Amino acid sequence: PHLPAGTPHYFYVGKGYTGTEIDVVETTFPDTRAGNAHKTHMMFGFALSYEWDWMFRVDDDTFVVPERIPSLLWNPKAELVGGDCMWQAGWSTGGAGLLISRRVVEYMVAEGVGKNGGDGDDGWICWRARLAGVAMHWTPRLRHQMDLRPHPNNDMVTGHYVTPREMRVLQPIMDNGDIEWLRKTGV
């Protein structure tokens, strides 16, 4: 799984980060539940400087198959597509992934974080979207738990709580469909 060439992508981290990667943006907010909503608001504002129709937002421990993201746009009325816990709880997790239209991101930036920032970025995004009457849909193909991962034999788009080691194992399997390699590694 790979992003198409030229696709802007960034990692937003909290205050105090000491790395120097070119695609990492340090924010002035702490990496806390309350700070995450402010960090996401800042990221949304930054993203609007680019041309795009849809944004896919995930956590840094989420394995994503980018080629499968367009298949989530099955409902032309949807402006926000969330993961498997959205149907139960009414909000989705960043770990599962959120596919968000530009119009919704523009609304979020204009409205600001407000009082629900303490519910974290996931709660803030879905709370604001619900207030605005945004058509939100969910799919089991965006997975917030660790029980199912994207694989050549399924149509999952994301898997959450994936360690860097697991990502290095999953990548060649998704690239080559080399399930025999998986058996040989014992993972």
N, C-alpha and C. Protein backbone atom coordinates (compact mmCIF):
# COMPACT_ATOMS: atom_id res chain seq x y z
N PRO A 1 0.84 -1.20 0.00
CA PRO A 1 0.00 0.00 0.00
C PRO A 1 0.88 1.25 0.00
N HIS A 2 0.59 2.11 -0.92
CA HIS A 2 1.40 3.32 -1.04
C HIS A 2 0.50 4.49 -1.41
N LEU A 3 0.87 5.67 -0.94
CA LEU A 3 0.19 6.89 -1.36
C LEU A 3 0.58 7.20 -2.79
N PRO A 4 -0.33 7.74 -3.57
CA PRO A 4 0.05 8.18 -4.92
C PRO A 4 1.14 9.24 -4.83
N ALA A 5 2.04 9.24 -5.79
CA ALA A 5 3.13 10.21 -5.82
C ALA A 5 2.60 11.63 -5.69
N GLY A 6 3.25 12.41 -4.88
CA GLY A 6 2.88 13.81 -4.70
C GLY A 6 1.76 14.06 -3.69
N THR A 7 1.26 13.00 -3.05
CA THR A 7 0.19 13.17 -2.06
C THR A 7 0.77 13.76 -0.78
N PRO A 8 0.31 14.96 -0.38
CA PRO A 8 0.83 15.54 0.86
C PRO A 8 0.41 14.68 2.06
N HIS A 9 1.33 14.43 2.96
CA HIS A 9 1.02 13.68 4.18
C HIS A 9 1.95 14.16 5.28
N TYR A 10 1.39 14.31 6.46
CA TYR A 10 2.15 14.83 7.60
C TYR A 10 1.75 14.11 8.87
N PHE A 11 2.66 14.11 9.82
CA PHE A 11 2.41 13.59 11.16
C PHE A 11 2.44 14.78 12.10
N TYR A 12 1.38 14.96 12.87
CA TYR A 12 1.30 16.08 13.81
C TYR A 12 1.57 15.55 15.21
N VAL A 13 2.54 16.14 15.87
CA VAL A 13 2.94 15.69 17.20
C VAL A 13 2.79 16.83 18.20
N GLY A 14 2.72 16.46 19.46
CA GLY A 14 2.57 17.45 20.52
C GLY A 14 3.85 18.16 20.87
N LYS A 15 3.69 19.18 21.65
CA LYS A 15 4.78 20.02 22.13
C LYS A 15 5.86 19.17 22.80
N GLY A 16 7.12 19.46 22.48
CA GLY A 16 8.22 18.76 23.10
C GLY A 16 8.84 17.66 22.25
N TYR A 17 8.32 17.46 21.05
CA TYR A 17 8.88 16.44 20.16
C TYR A 17 10.30 16.83 19.78
N THR A 18 11.20 15.87 19.73
CA THR A 18 12.61 16.19 19.46
C THR A 18 13.11 15.68 18.11
N GLY A 19 12.27 15.06 17.31
CA GLY A 19 12.69 14.54 16.01
C GLY A 19 12.84 15.64 14.98
N THR A 20 13.40 15.27 13.83
CA THR A 20 13.63 16.27 12.77
C THR A 20 13.12 15.81 11.41
N GLU A 21 12.22 14.83 11.36
CA GLU A 21 11.72 14.36 10.07
C GLU A 21 10.99 15.48 9.33
N ILE A 22 11.13 15.47 8.01
CA ILE A 22 10.56 16.53 7.19
C ILE A 22 9.03 16.50 7.17
N ASP A 23 8.42 15.33 7.38
CA ASP A 23 6.96 15.24 7.32
C ASP A 23 6.30 15.29 8.69
N VAL A 24 7.07 15.70 9.71
CA VAL A 24 6.54 15.81 11.07
C VAL A 24 6.38 17.28 11.42
N VAL A 25 5.20 17.64 11.89
CA VAL A 25 4.90 19.01 12.29
C VAL A 25 4.68 19.02 13.80
N GLU A 26 5.49 19.78 14.51
CA GLU A 26 5.30 19.92 15.96
C GLU A 26 4.29 21.03 16.22
N THR A 27 3.33 20.73 17.07
CA THR A 27 2.33 21.74 17.43
C THR A 27 2.67 22.34 18.78
N THR A 28 1.95 23.35 19.17
CA THR A 28 2.16 23.97 20.47
C THR A 28 1.30 23.33 21.55
N PHE A 29 0.59 22.27 21.21
CA PHE A 29 -0.33 21.62 22.14
C PHE A 29 0.26 20.32 22.66
N PRO A 30 -0.06 19.96 23.89
CA PRO A 30 0.49 18.70 24.43
C PRO A 30 -0.20 17.48 23.81
N ASP A 31 0.50 16.35 23.85
CA ASP A 31 -0.09 15.09 23.40
C ASP A 31 -0.95 14.52 24.53
N THR A 32 -2.09 15.14 24.72
CA THR A 32 -3.05 14.72 25.74
C THR A 32 -4.42 14.64 25.08
N ARG A 33 -5.36 14.05 25.75
CA ARG A 33 -6.71 13.94 25.19
C ARG A 33 -7.26 15.34 24.86
N ALA A 34 -7.14 16.27 25.77
CA ALA A 34 -7.62 17.63 25.52
C ALA A 34 -6.78 18.34 24.45
N GLY A 35 -5.48 18.11 24.45
CA GLY A 35 -4.60 18.75 23.48
C GLY A 35 -4.81 18.24 22.06
N ASN A 36 -5.26 16.99 21.93
CA ASN A 36 -5.43 16.40 20.60
C ASN A 36 -6.46 17.12 19.75
N ALA A 37 -7.53 17.62 20.36
CA ALA A 37 -8.53 18.36 19.57
C ALA A 37 -7.91 19.63 19.00
N HIS A 38 -7.11 20.33 19.80
CA HIS A 38 -6.45 21.55 19.33
C HIS A 38 -5.41 21.23 18.25
N LYS A 39 -4.71 20.13 18.43
CA LYS A 39 -3.72 19.68 17.45
C LYS A 39 -4.42 19.37 16.12
N THR A 40 -5.56 18.70 16.18
CA THR A 40 -6.31 18.36 14.96
C THR A 40 -6.86 19.62 14.30
N HIS A 41 -7.35 20.56 15.10
CA HIS A 41 -7.84 21.83 14.55
C HIS A 41 -6.73 22.54 13.78
N MET A 42 -5.53 22.55 14.36
CA MET A 42 -4.38 23.17 13.69
C MET A 42 -4.07 22.44 12.39
N MET A 43 -4.10 21.10 12.43
CA MET A 43 -3.82 20.29 11.25
C MET A 43 -4.85 20.57 10.15
N PHE A 44 -6.12 20.66 10.52
CA PHE A 44 -7.16 20.96 9.54
C PHE A 44 -6.89 22.30 8.86
N GLY A 45 -6.53 23.31 9.64
CA GLY A 45 -6.24 24.62 9.07
C GLY A 45 -5.08 24.57 8.09
N PHE A 46 -4.04 23.83 8.46
CA PHE A 46 -2.88 23.66 7.58
C PHE A 46 -3.27 22.94 6.30
N ALA A 47 -4.08 21.92 6.42
CA ALA A 47 -4.49 21.11 5.26
C ALA A 47 -5.26 21.94 4.24
N LEU A 48 -5.99 22.94 4.70
CA LEU A 48 -6.79 23.75 3.77
C LEU A 48 -5.93 24.59 2.83
N SER A 49 -4.63 24.66 3.06
CA SER A 49 -3.75 25.39 2.14
C SER A 49 -3.47 24.56 0.87
N TYR A 50 -3.93 23.32 0.85
CA TYR A 50 -3.79 22.44 -0.32
C TYR A 50 -5.14 22.28 -1.00
N GLU A 51 -5.11 21.84 -2.26
CA GLU A 51 -6.34 21.53 -2.99
C GLU A 51 -6.66 20.05 -2.80
N TRP A 52 -7.85 19.75 -2.34
CA TRP A 52 -8.30 18.37 -2.17
C TRP A 52 -9.80 18.39 -1.92
N ASP A 53 -10.44 17.27 -2.15
CA ASP A 53 -11.87 17.12 -1.89
C ASP A 53 -12.13 16.33 -0.61
N TRP A 54 -11.24 15.36 -0.31
CA TRP A 54 -11.39 14.49 0.85
C TRP A 54 -10.07 14.36 1.59
N MET A 55 -10.15 14.28 2.90
CA MET A 55 -8.98 14.07 3.75
C MET A 55 -9.19 12.76 4.50
N PHE A 56 -8.11 11.98 4.63
CA PHE A 56 -8.17 10.77 5.43
C PHE A 56 -7.27 10.98 6.63
N ARG A 57 -7.87 10.93 7.82
CA ARG A 57 -7.16 11.22 9.07
C ARG A 57 -7.10 9.94 9.90
N VAL A 58 -5.89 9.55 10.31
CA VAL A 58 -5.69 8.34 11.12
C VAL A 58 -4.67 8.60 12.21
N ASP A 59 -4.60 7.66 13.15
CA ASP A 59 -3.57 7.70 14.19
C ASP A 59 -2.26 7.15 13.63
N ASP A 60 -1.17 7.39 14.34
CA ASP A 60 0.13 6.92 13.87
C ASP A 60 0.35 5.42 14.07
N ASP A 61 -0.56 4.76 14.76
CA ASP A 61 -0.45 3.30 14.92
C ASP A 61 -1.54 2.57 14.13
N THR A 62 -1.91 3.17 13.01
CA THR A 62 -2.93 2.60 12.13
C THR A 62 -2.28 2.20 10.81
N PHE A 63 -2.50 0.95 10.41
CA PHE A 63 -2.03 0.48 9.12
C PHE A 63 -3.12 0.77 8.10
N VAL A 64 -2.76 1.43 7.00
CA VAL A 64 -3.72 1.89 6.00
C VAL A 64 -3.36 1.32 4.63
N VAL A 65 -4.37 0.91 3.88
CA VAL A 65 -4.19 0.54 2.48
C VAL A 65 -4.80 1.68 1.66
N PRO A 66 -3.98 2.67 1.27
CA PRO A 66 -4.51 3.87 0.60
C PRO A 66 -5.33 3.58 -0.65
N GLU A 67 -4.95 2.54 -1.40
CA GLU A 67 -5.67 2.22 -2.64
C GLU A 67 -7.13 1.87 -2.39
N ARG A 68 -7.45 1.47 -1.17
CA ARG A 68 -8.83 1.08 -0.86
C ARG A 68 -9.69 2.24 -0.35
N ILE A 69 -9.09 3.37 -0.07
CA ILE A 69 -9.85 4.52 0.47
C ILE A 69 -10.96 4.97 -0.47
N PRO A 70 -10.72 5.12 -1.78
CA PRO A 70 -11.82 5.59 -2.66
C PRO A 70 -13.07 4.71 -2.61
N SER A 71 -12.92 3.44 -2.29
CA SER A 71 -14.08 2.56 -2.24
C SER A 71 -15.01 2.89 -1.07
N LEU A 72 -14.56 3.74 -0.16
CA LEU A 72 -15.40 4.14 0.98
C LEU A 72 -16.42 5.20 0.58
N LEU A 73 -16.27 5.77 -0.59
CA LEU A 73 -17.16 6.84 -1.05
C LEU A 73 -18.35 6.29 -1.82
N TRP A 74 -18.99 5.28 -1.30
CA TRP A 74 -20.13 4.63 -1.97
C TRP A 74 -21.41 5.45 -1.85
N ASN A 75 -21.54 6.27 -0.83
CA ASN A 75 -22.76 7.06 -0.63
C ASN A 75 -22.48 8.51 -0.99
N PRO A 76 -23.07 9.03 -2.07
CA PRO A 76 -22.77 10.40 -2.50
C PRO A 76 -23.20 11.47 -1.49
N LYS A 77 -24.06 11.13 -0.54
CA LYS A 77 -24.49 12.11 0.46
C LYS A 77 -23.53 12.21 1.66
N ALA A 78 -22.71 11.20 1.84
CA ALA A 78 -21.80 11.17 2.99
C ALA A 78 -20.76 12.27 2.91
N GLU A 79 -20.54 12.94 4.03
CA GLU A 79 -19.49 13.94 4.12
C GLU A 79 -18.45 13.57 5.17
N LEU A 80 -18.74 12.52 5.92
CA LEU A 80 -17.81 11.99 6.90
C LEU A 80 -18.06 10.49 7.01
N VAL A 81 -17.01 9.71 6.80
CA VAL A 81 -17.12 8.25 6.90
C VAL A 81 -16.22 7.82 8.04
N GLY A 82 -16.82 7.14 9.02
CA GLY A 82 -16.07 6.70 10.19
C GLY A 82 -16.01 5.19 10.29
N GLY A 83 -15.38 4.74 11.34
CA GLY A 83 -15.12 3.33 11.53
C GLY A 83 -16.21 2.54 12.21
N ASP A 84 -15.84 1.33 12.55
CA ASP A 84 -16.78 0.33 13.04
C ASP A 84 -17.44 0.66 14.37
N CYS A 85 -16.88 1.55 15.18
CA CYS A 85 -17.55 1.86 16.45
C CYS A 85 -18.55 3.01 16.30
N MET A 86 -18.59 3.64 15.13
CA MET A 86 -19.49 4.77 14.93
C MET A 86 -20.96 4.36 15.02
N TRP A 87 -21.31 3.21 14.54
CA TRP A 87 -22.71 2.78 14.56
C TRP A 87 -23.20 2.57 15.98
N GLN A 88 -22.31 2.24 16.91
CA GLN A 88 -22.70 2.01 18.30
C GLN A 88 -22.65 3.28 19.12
N ALA A 89 -21.49 3.93 19.09
CA ALA A 89 -21.25 5.06 19.98
C ALA A 89 -21.62 6.42 19.38
N GLY A 90 -21.79 6.50 18.08
CA GLY A 90 -22.12 7.77 17.44
C GLY A 90 -20.89 8.62 17.15
N TRP A 91 -19.71 8.10 17.44
CA TRP A 91 -18.47 8.80 17.11
C TRP A 91 -17.49 7.75 16.62
N SER A 92 -16.50 8.19 15.90
CA SER A 92 -15.51 7.26 15.37
C SER A 92 -14.15 7.57 15.95
N THR A 93 -13.27 6.61 15.89
CA THR A 93 -11.93 6.83 16.42
C THR A 93 -10.98 7.16 15.29
N GLY A 94 -9.97 7.97 15.61
CA GLY A 94 -8.92 8.26 14.64
C GLY A 94 -8.14 7.01 14.31
N GLY A 95 -8.11 6.07 15.25
CA GLY A 95 -7.41 4.81 15.00
C GLY A 95 -8.04 4.03 13.87
N ALA A 96 -9.35 4.06 13.79
CA ALA A 96 -10.04 3.39 12.68
C ALA A 96 -9.88 4.19 11.40
N GLY A 97 -9.80 5.49 11.54
CA GLY A 97 -9.69 6.39 10.40
C GLY A 97 -10.98 7.15 10.18
N LEU A 98 -10.85 8.36 9.69
CA LEU A 98 -11.99 9.20 9.35
C LEU A 98 -11.76 9.78 7.96
N LEU A 99 -12.70 9.58 7.08
CA LEU A 99 -12.66 10.17 5.75
C LEU A 99 -13.59 11.38 5.81
N ILE A 100 -13.03 12.57 5.60
CA ILE A 100 -13.75 13.82 5.86
C ILE A 100 -13.72 14.71 4.63
N SER A 101 -14.88 15.23 4.24
CA SER A 101 -14.94 16.12 3.07
C SER A 101 -14.32 17.47 3.41
N ARG A 102 -13.90 18.16 2.38
CA ARG A 102 -13.31 19.49 2.55
C ARG A 102 -14.31 20.44 3.21
N ARG A 103 -15.58 20.38 2.81
CA ARG A 103 -16.59 21.27 3.38
C ARG A 103 -16.67 21.09 4.90
N VAL A 104 -16.59 19.85 5.37
CA VAL A 104 -16.65 19.60 6.82
C VAL A 104 -15.41 20.14 7.50
N VAL A 105 -14.25 19.97 6.89
CA VAL A 105 -13.02 20.50 7.49
C VAL A 105 -13.07 22.02 7.54
N GLU A 106 -13.57 22.66 6.50
CA GLU A 106 -13.71 24.12 6.51
C GLU A 106 -14.62 24.56 7.66
N TYR A 107 -15.71 23.85 7.86
CA TYR A 107 -16.63 24.15 8.96
C TYR A 107 -15.92 23.99 10.31
N MET A 108 -15.16 22.91 10.47
CA MET A 108 -14.46 22.66 11.74
C MET A 108 -13.47 23.77 12.05
N VAL A 109 -12.75 24.21 11.04
CA VAL A 109 -11.77 25.27 11.25
C VAL A 109 -12.47 26.57 11.63
N ALA A 110 -13.57 26.89 10.94
CA ALA A 110 -14.30 28.12 11.24
C ALA A 110 -14.92 28.10 12.64
N GLU A 111 -15.42 26.96 13.08
CA GLU A 111 -16.09 26.85 14.38
C GLU A 111 -15.12 26.78 15.55
N GLY A 112 -13.93 26.27 15.34
CA GLY A 112 -12.97 26.14 16.43
C GLY A 112 -13.26 24.92 17.30
N VAL A 113 -12.47 24.75 18.32
CA VAL A 113 -12.58 23.57 19.17
C VAL A 113 -13.74 23.68 20.13
N GLY A 114 -13.90 24.82 20.80
CA GLY A 114 -15.01 24.99 21.72
C GLY A 114 -14.92 24.12 22.96
N LYS A 115 -16.04 23.96 23.62
CA LYS A 115 -16.07 23.28 24.92
C LYS A 115 -15.84 21.78 24.85
N ASN A 116 -16.06 21.16 23.71
CA ASN A 116 -15.91 19.71 23.64
C ASN A 116 -14.50 19.26 23.27
N GLY A 117 -13.53 20.14 23.33
CA GLY A 117 -12.15 19.76 23.05
C GLY A 117 -11.63 18.74 24.03
N GLY A 118 -12.17 18.72 25.23
CA GLY A 118 -11.73 17.77 26.24
C GLY A 118 -12.11 16.33 25.92
N ASP A 119 -12.99 16.14 24.95
CA ASP A 119 -13.38 14.79 24.53
C ASP A 119 -12.42 14.21 23.51
N GLY A 120 -11.30 14.87 23.31
CA GLY A 120 -10.33 14.40 22.33
C GLY A 120 -10.72 14.77 20.92
N ASP A 121 -9.83 14.51 20.01
CA ASP A 121 -10.08 14.88 18.62
C ASP A 121 -11.22 14.09 17.99
N ASP A 122 -11.33 12.81 18.33
CA ASP A 122 -12.39 11.99 17.75
C ASP A 122 -13.77 12.51 18.16
N GLY A 123 -13.94 12.73 19.47
CA GLY A 123 -15.21 13.24 19.97
C GLY A 123 -15.53 14.61 19.42
N TRP A 124 -14.51 15.48 19.36
CA TRP A 124 -14.69 16.83 18.85
C TRP A 124 -15.15 16.81 17.40
N ILE A 125 -14.50 16.02 16.55
CA ILE A 125 -14.85 15.97 15.13
C ILE A 125 -16.30 15.52 14.95
N CYS A 126 -16.66 14.41 15.58
CA CYS A 126 -18.02 13.87 15.40
C CYS A 126 -19.08 14.74 16.07
N TRP A 127 -18.76 15.33 17.22
CA TRP A 127 -19.69 16.23 17.91
C TRP A 127 -20.00 17.43 17.04
N ARG A 128 -18.95 18.08 16.51
CA ARG A 128 -19.14 19.25 15.64
C ARG A 128 -19.91 18.87 14.38
N ALA A 129 -19.56 17.74 13.79
CA ALA A 129 -20.22 17.31 12.56
C ALA A 129 -21.70 17.05 12.81
N ARG A 130 -22.01 16.42 13.93
CA ARG A 130 -23.40 16.14 14.27
C ARG A 130 -24.18 17.44 14.46
N LEU A 131 -23.58 18.42 15.14
CA LEU A 131 -24.23 19.73 15.34
C LEU A 131 -24.54 20.41 14.01
N ALA A 132 -23.66 20.20 13.04
CA ALA A 132 -23.83 20.85 11.73
C ALA A 132 -24.76 20.07 10.81
N GLY A 133 -25.25 18.92 11.26
CA GLY A 133 -26.13 18.11 10.42
C GLY A 133 -25.41 17.38 9.30
N VAL A 134 -24.13 17.14 9.49
CA VAL A 134 -23.33 16.45 8.47
C VAL A 134 -23.81 15.01 8.32
N ALA A 135 -23.92 14.55 7.08
CA ALA A 135 -24.28 13.16 6.81
C ALA A 135 -23.08 12.28 7.14
N MET A 136 -23.18 11.56 8.27
CA MET A 136 -22.09 10.70 8.72
C MET A 136 -22.48 9.24 8.50
N HIS A 137 -21.56 8.50 7.96
CA HIS A 137 -21.77 7.08 7.70
C HIS A 137 -20.62 6.28 8.31
N TRP A 138 -20.85 5.02 8.57
CA TRP A 138 -19.80 4.18 9.15
C TRP A 138 -19.59 2.95 8.26
N THR A 139 -18.43 2.34 8.43
CA THR A 139 -18.13 1.12 7.72
C THR A 139 -17.30 0.21 8.62
N PRO A 140 -17.54 -1.09 8.57
CA PRO A 140 -16.72 -2.02 9.34
C PRO A 140 -15.33 -2.19 8.73
N ARG A 141 -15.10 -1.60 7.56
CA ARG A 141 -13.79 -1.72 6.88
C ARG A 141 -12.75 -0.78 7.47
N LEU A 142 -13.18 0.16 8.31
CA LEU A 142 -12.26 1.00 9.08
C LEU A 142 -12.31 0.43 10.50
N ARG A 143 -11.24 -0.22 10.93
CA ARG A 143 -11.25 -1.03 12.15
C ARG A 143 -10.52 -0.34 13.29
N HIS A 144 -11.23 -0.15 14.41
CA HIS A 144 -10.61 0.52 15.56
C HIS A 144 -10.00 -0.46 16.55
N GLN A 145 -10.27 -1.74 16.43
CA GLN A 145 -9.70 -2.73 17.34
C GLN A 145 -8.54 -3.47 16.69
N MET A 146 -7.90 -4.34 17.46
CA MET A 146 -6.72 -5.05 16.95
C MET A 146 -7.04 -6.43 16.40
N ASP A 147 -8.30 -6.78 16.28
CA ASP A 147 -8.66 -8.14 15.91
C ASP A 147 -8.62 -8.43 14.41
N LEU A 148 -8.53 -7.42 13.58
CA LEU A 148 -8.57 -7.63 12.14
C LEU A 148 -7.66 -6.61 11.45
N ARG A 149 -6.83 -7.08 10.55
CA ARG A 149 -5.89 -6.24 9.82
C ARG A 149 -6.19 -6.31 8.32
N PRO A 150 -5.84 -5.25 7.58
CA PRO A 150 -5.95 -5.35 6.13
C PRO A 150 -5.06 -6.49 5.62
N HIS A 151 -5.52 -7.16 4.60
CA HIS A 151 -4.84 -8.34 4.09
C HIS A 151 -5.29 -8.53 2.64
N PRO A 152 -4.49 -9.20 1.81
CA PRO A 152 -4.94 -9.45 0.43
C PRO A 152 -6.24 -10.24 0.33
N ASN A 153 -6.56 -11.01 1.38
CA ASN A 153 -7.76 -11.84 1.36
C ASN A 153 -8.99 -11.18 1.99
N ASN A 154 -8.89 -9.91 2.34
CA ASN A 154 -10.07 -9.20 2.84
C ASN A 154 -10.11 -7.81 2.20
N ASP A 155 -11.15 -7.04 2.52
CA ASP A 155 -11.27 -5.70 1.94
C ASP A 155 -11.12 -4.60 2.98
N MET A 156 -10.49 -4.91 4.11
CA MET A 156 -10.28 -3.91 5.16
C MET A 156 -9.41 -2.76 4.62
N VAL A 157 -9.72 -1.55 5.08
CA VAL A 157 -8.94 -0.38 4.68
C VAL A 157 -7.92 -0.04 5.77
N THR A 158 -8.31 -0.22 7.05
CA THR A 158 -7.40 0.09 8.15
C THR A 158 -7.42 -1.01 9.21
N GLY A 159 -6.37 -1.01 9.98
CA GLY A 159 -6.28 -1.81 11.20
C GLY A 159 -5.57 -0.95 12.23
N HIS A 160 -6.07 -0.93 13.44
CA HIS A 160 -5.53 -0.05 14.48
C HIS A 160 -4.70 -0.84 15.48
N TYR A 161 -3.94 -0.12 16.27
CA TYR A 161 -3.01 -0.69 17.27
C TYR A 161 -2.01 -1.62 16.59
N VAL A 162 -1.44 -1.16 15.49
CA VAL A 162 -0.47 -1.94 14.74
C VAL A 162 0.93 -1.41 15.09
N THR A 163 1.78 -2.30 15.55
CA THR A 163 3.14 -1.90 15.92
C THR A 163 3.98 -1.68 14.66
N PRO A 164 5.09 -0.92 14.78
CA PRO A 164 5.97 -0.76 13.62
C PRO A 164 6.44 -2.12 13.06
N ARG A 165 6.71 -3.08 13.93
CA ARG A 165 7.13 -4.41 13.47
C ARG A 165 6.03 -5.05 12.62
N GLU A 166 4.78 -4.99 13.10
CA GLU A 166 3.68 -5.55 12.34
C GLU A 166 3.52 -4.85 10.98
N MET A 167 3.73 -3.52 10.97
CA MET A 167 3.61 -2.78 9.71
C MET A 167 4.65 -3.26 8.71
N ARG A 168 5.88 -3.52 9.20
CA ARG A 168 6.93 -4.02 8.30
C ARG A 168 6.59 -5.42 7.78
N VAL A 169 5.84 -6.20 8.54
CA VAL A 169 5.42 -7.53 8.09
C VAL A 169 4.26 -7.41 7.10
N LEU A 170 3.29 -6.54 7.41
CA LEU A 170 2.11 -6.39 6.56
C LEU A 170 2.43 -5.77 5.20
N GLN A 171 3.38 -4.85 5.17
CA GLN A 171 3.68 -4.13 3.92
C GLN A 171 4.03 -5.07 2.77
N PRO A 172 5.00 -5.98 2.90
CA PRO A 172 5.30 -6.86 1.76
C PRO A 172 4.16 -7.82 1.42
N ILE A 173 3.38 -8.17 2.41
CA ILE A 173 2.22 -9.04 2.14
C ILE A 173 1.22 -8.30 1.26
N MET A 174 0.96 -7.04 1.60
CA MET A 174 0.01 -6.25 0.80
C MET A 174 0.60 -5.93 -0.58
N ASP A 175 1.90 -5.67 -0.63
CA ASP A 175 2.53 -5.35 -1.91
C ASP A 175 2.56 -6.53 -2.86
N ASN A 176 2.84 -7.72 -2.33
CA ASN A 176 3.07 -8.88 -3.18
C ASN A 176 2.04 -9.98 -3.02
N GLY A 177 1.16 -9.85 -2.03
CA GLY A 177 0.23 -10.92 -1.75
C GLY A 177 0.95 -12.19 -1.29
N ASP A 178 2.15 -12.00 -0.74
CA ASP A 178 3.02 -13.12 -0.38
C ASP A 178 2.65 -13.69 0.98
N ILE A 179 1.60 -14.50 1.02
CA ILE A 179 1.13 -15.08 2.26
C ILE A 179 2.11 -16.15 2.73
N GLU A 180 2.79 -16.81 1.80
CA GLU A 180 3.78 -17.83 2.18
C GLU A 180 4.89 -17.20 3.01
N TRP A 181 5.28 -15.97 2.67
CA TRP A 181 6.30 -15.24 3.44
C TRP A 181 5.84 -15.08 4.88
N LEU A 182 4.55 -14.80 5.06
CA LEU A 182 3.99 -14.66 6.41
C LEU A 182 4.15 -15.97 7.19
N ARG A 183 3.84 -17.08 6.54
CA ARG A 183 3.97 -18.38 7.23
C ARG A 183 5.41 -18.66 7.63
N LYS A 184 6.36 -18.30 6.77
CA LYS A 184 7.77 -18.54 7.03
C LYS A 184 8.28 -17.69 8.20
N THR A 185 7.75 -16.49 8.35
CA THR A 185 8.22 -15.60 9.42
C THR A 185 7.65 -15.98 10.76
N GLY A 186 6.54 -16.71 10.77
CA GLY A 186 5.93 -17.12 12.03
C GLY A 186 5.18 -16.01 12.74
N VAL A 187 4.91 -14.93 12.05
CA VAL A 187 4.19 -13.81 12.67
C VAL A 187 2.70 -14.05 12.56
